Amino acid sequence: MYDSGKIIVGLIIFLALVTFPFYNNIGKVNAKPELKIDTPEIQKLPEQERKCVETKEFMRGGHMQLLNDWRDSVVRNGNRVYTNSAHKTFNMSLQNECMRCHSNKKDFCDKCHNYMAVVPYCWDCHIAPKEKKL
């Protein structure tokens, strides 16, 4: 073991470089985004129509799976009507159903997706909505 000193120094440098991102980010936390769900478009709706296609809890965790299911159902099967767990029907459309109420893409979609470091591919096919300036 003539080079044991060099090997140990090399291992220490390697471990320092590999673990640097962890040590560098200790104590740094991103603030949870405050989503603006109560949009002007929602305020225009009558109180009884201010319901999403599913419950808030379901939509927080499962909206992407729901949108994927909608996409498959519309594109592959031609089915455009969704019946939710409360037996109410909705048009399966990101732009005409979801964005009708959630018209604030930058404050609603983008804030959460950026916080979670997720890049959805919705806007690869759909045209991103133009937001109204208040």
Protein backbone atom coordinates (compact mmCIF):
# COMPACT_ATOMS: atom_id res chain seq x y z
CA MET A 1 0.00 0.00 0.00
CA TYR A 2 2.40 2.63 -1.20
CA ASP A 3 -0.36 5.05 -2.28
CA SER A 4 -2.70 4.74 0.71
CA GLY A 5 -2.29 8.42 1.60
CA LYS A 6 -3.34 9.50 -1.89
CA ILE A 7 -6.29 7.11 -1.85
CA ILE A 8 -7.53 8.39 1.51
CA VAL A 9 -7.18 12.03 0.42
CA GLY A 10 -8.99 11.20 -2.84
CA LEU A 11 -11.84 9.49 -0.94
CA ILE A 12 -12.19 12.48 1.40
CA ILE A 13 -12.33 14.90 -1.54
CA PHE A 14 -14.82 12.65 -3.33
CA LEU A 15 -17.09 12.42 -0.27
CA ALA A 16 -16.89 16.18 0.25
CA LEU A 17 -17.94 16.84 -3.36
CA VAL A 18 -20.74 14.26 -3.31
CA THR A 19 -22.22 15.50 -0.02
CA PHE A 20 -21.77 19.24 -0.72
CA PRO A 21 -25.33 19.78 -2.07
CA PHE A 22 -26.78 18.31 1.13
CA TYR A 23 -24.63 20.41 3.44
CA ASN A 24 -25.15 23.51 1.32
CA ASN A 25 -28.97 23.29 1.60
CA ILE A 26 -29.31 22.52 5.30
CA GLY A 27 -31.85 24.88 6.84
CA LYS A 28 -33.01 26.33 3.53
CA VAL A 29 -36.70 25.81 2.93
CA ASN A 30 -38.94 27.06 0.13
CA ALA A 31 -42.13 28.68 1.32
CA LYS A 32 -45.28 26.76 0.47
CA PRO A 33 -47.13 28.64 -2.26
CA GLU A 34 -50.35 30.44 -1.42
CA LEU A 35 -52.78 29.44 -4.14
CA LYS A 36 -55.41 31.95 -5.21
CA ILE A 37 -58.36 29.65 -5.78
CA ASP A 38 -61.03 32.30 -5.38
CA THR A 39 -60.72 33.84 -8.85
CA PRO A 40 -62.97 36.55 -10.30
CA GLU A 41 -64.41 33.90 -12.62
CA ILE A 42 -65.44 31.79 -9.63
CA GLN A 43 -66.97 34.85 -7.94
CA LYS A 44 -69.20 35.38 -10.99
CA LEU A 45 -70.71 31.90 -10.62
CA PRO A 46 -73.81 31.30 -8.50
CA GLU A 47 -73.00 29.77 -5.09
CA GLN A 48 -74.43 26.33 -5.98
CA GLU A 49 -72.20 26.10 -9.09
CA ARG A 50 -68.92 26.78 -7.26
CA LYS A 51 -67.99 23.12 -7.11
CA CYS A 52 -65.02 21.49 -8.79
CA VAL A 53 -65.37 18.24 -10.73
CA GLU A 54 -64.23 16.33 -7.63
CA THR A 55 -63.49 17.14 -3.99
CA LYS A 56 -60.63 19.46 -3.04
CA GLU A 57 -58.74 16.60 -1.39
CA PHE A 58 -59.06 14.41 -4.48
CA MET A 59 -58.00 17.20 -6.82
CA ARG A 60 -54.89 18.08 -4.78
CA GLY A 61 -53.50 14.59 -5.04
CA GLY A 62 -55.12 13.15 -8.13
CA HIS A 63 -55.78 15.92 -10.63
CA MET A 64 -53.00 14.82 -12.97
CA GLN A 65 -54.30 11.24 -13.06
CA LEU A 66 -57.79 12.60 -13.69
CA LEU A 67 -56.51 14.76 -16.56
CA ASN A 68 -54.61 11.79 -18.01
CA ASP A 69 -57.77 9.66 -17.80
CA TRP A 70 -59.76 12.43 -19.46
CA ARG A 71 -57.20 12.72 -22.25
CA ASP A 72 -57.29 8.97 -22.91
CA SER A 73 -61.06 8.84 -22.77
CA VAL A 74 -61.53 11.76 -25.18
CA VAL A 75 -58.76 10.96 -27.65
CA ARG A 76 -59.01 7.16 -27.74
CA ASN A 77 -62.69 6.56 -27.04
CA GLY A 78 -64.37 9.81 -28.09
CA ASN A 79 -66.08 10.06 -24.70
CA ARG A 80 -66.40 13.73 -23.68
CA VAL A 81 -68.66 13.48 -20.61
CA TYR A 82 -67.30 12.86 -17.11
CA THR A 83 -69.54 11.78 -14.25
CA ASN A 84 -68.04 12.55 -10.85
CA SER A 85 -68.48 10.73 -7.53
CA ALA A 86 -71.62 12.82 -6.81
CA HIS A 87 -73.14 11.72 -10.16
CA LYS A 88 -72.87 15.19 -11.70
CA THR A 89 -71.70 15.41 -15.31
CA PHE A 90 -68.96 17.64 -16.70
CA ASN A 91 -67.41 18.24 -20.09
CA MET A 92 -63.95 16.64 -20.24
CA SER A 93 -61.97 19.67 -21.30
CA LEU A 94 -58.95 21.30 -19.71
CA GLN A 95 -59.54 24.64 -21.41
CA ASN A 96 -63.34 24.76 -21.38
CA GLU A 97 -64.01 23.14 -18.00
CA CYS A 98 -61.00 23.51 -15.68
CA MET A 99 -59.68 26.85 -16.94
CA ARG A 100 -63.20 28.30 -16.95
CA CYS A 101 -62.92 28.66 -13.16
CA HIS A 102 -59.17 28.40 -12.60
CA SER A 103 -58.40 31.19 -15.03
CA ASN A 104 -55.31 32.33 -13.13
CA LYS A 105 -52.76 29.85 -14.54
CA LYS A 106 -49.75 31.77 -13.19
CA ASP A 107 -51.14 32.04 -9.66
CA PHE A 108 -52.87 28.67 -9.54
CA CYS A 109 -51.13 26.08 -11.74
CA ASP A 110 -47.63 27.47 -12.15
CA LYS A 111 -46.95 28.34 -8.50
CA CYS A 112 -47.69 24.83 -7.30
CA HIS A 113 -45.98 23.08 -10.21
CA ASN A 114 -42.85 25.21 -9.73
CA TYR A 115 -42.84 24.50 -5.98
CA MET A 116 -43.10 20.76 -6.64
CA ALA A 117 -40.57 20.95 -9.53
CA VAL A 118 -43.06 19.37 -11.92
CA VAL A 119 -43.26 20.20 -15.61
CA PRO A 120 -46.66 19.07 -16.89
CA TYR A 121 -47.03 18.53 -20.61
CA CYS A 122 -50.58 19.90 -20.83
CA TRP A 123 -49.47 22.97 -22.74
CA ASP A 124 -47.60 20.93 -25.34
CA CYS A 125 -50.97 20.36 -27.03
CA HIS A 126 -53.27 22.94 -25.41
CA ILE A 127 -52.96 26.66 -25.89
CA ALA A 128 -52.08 28.35 -22.62
CA PRO A 129 -54.85 30.74 -21.57
CA LYS A 130 -54.30 34.46 -21.78
CA GLU A 131 -54.86 35.90 -18.36
CA LYS A 132 -56.84 39.06 -17.84
CA LYS A 133 -55.00 41.87 -16.13
CA LEU A 134 -56.86 43.28 -13.16
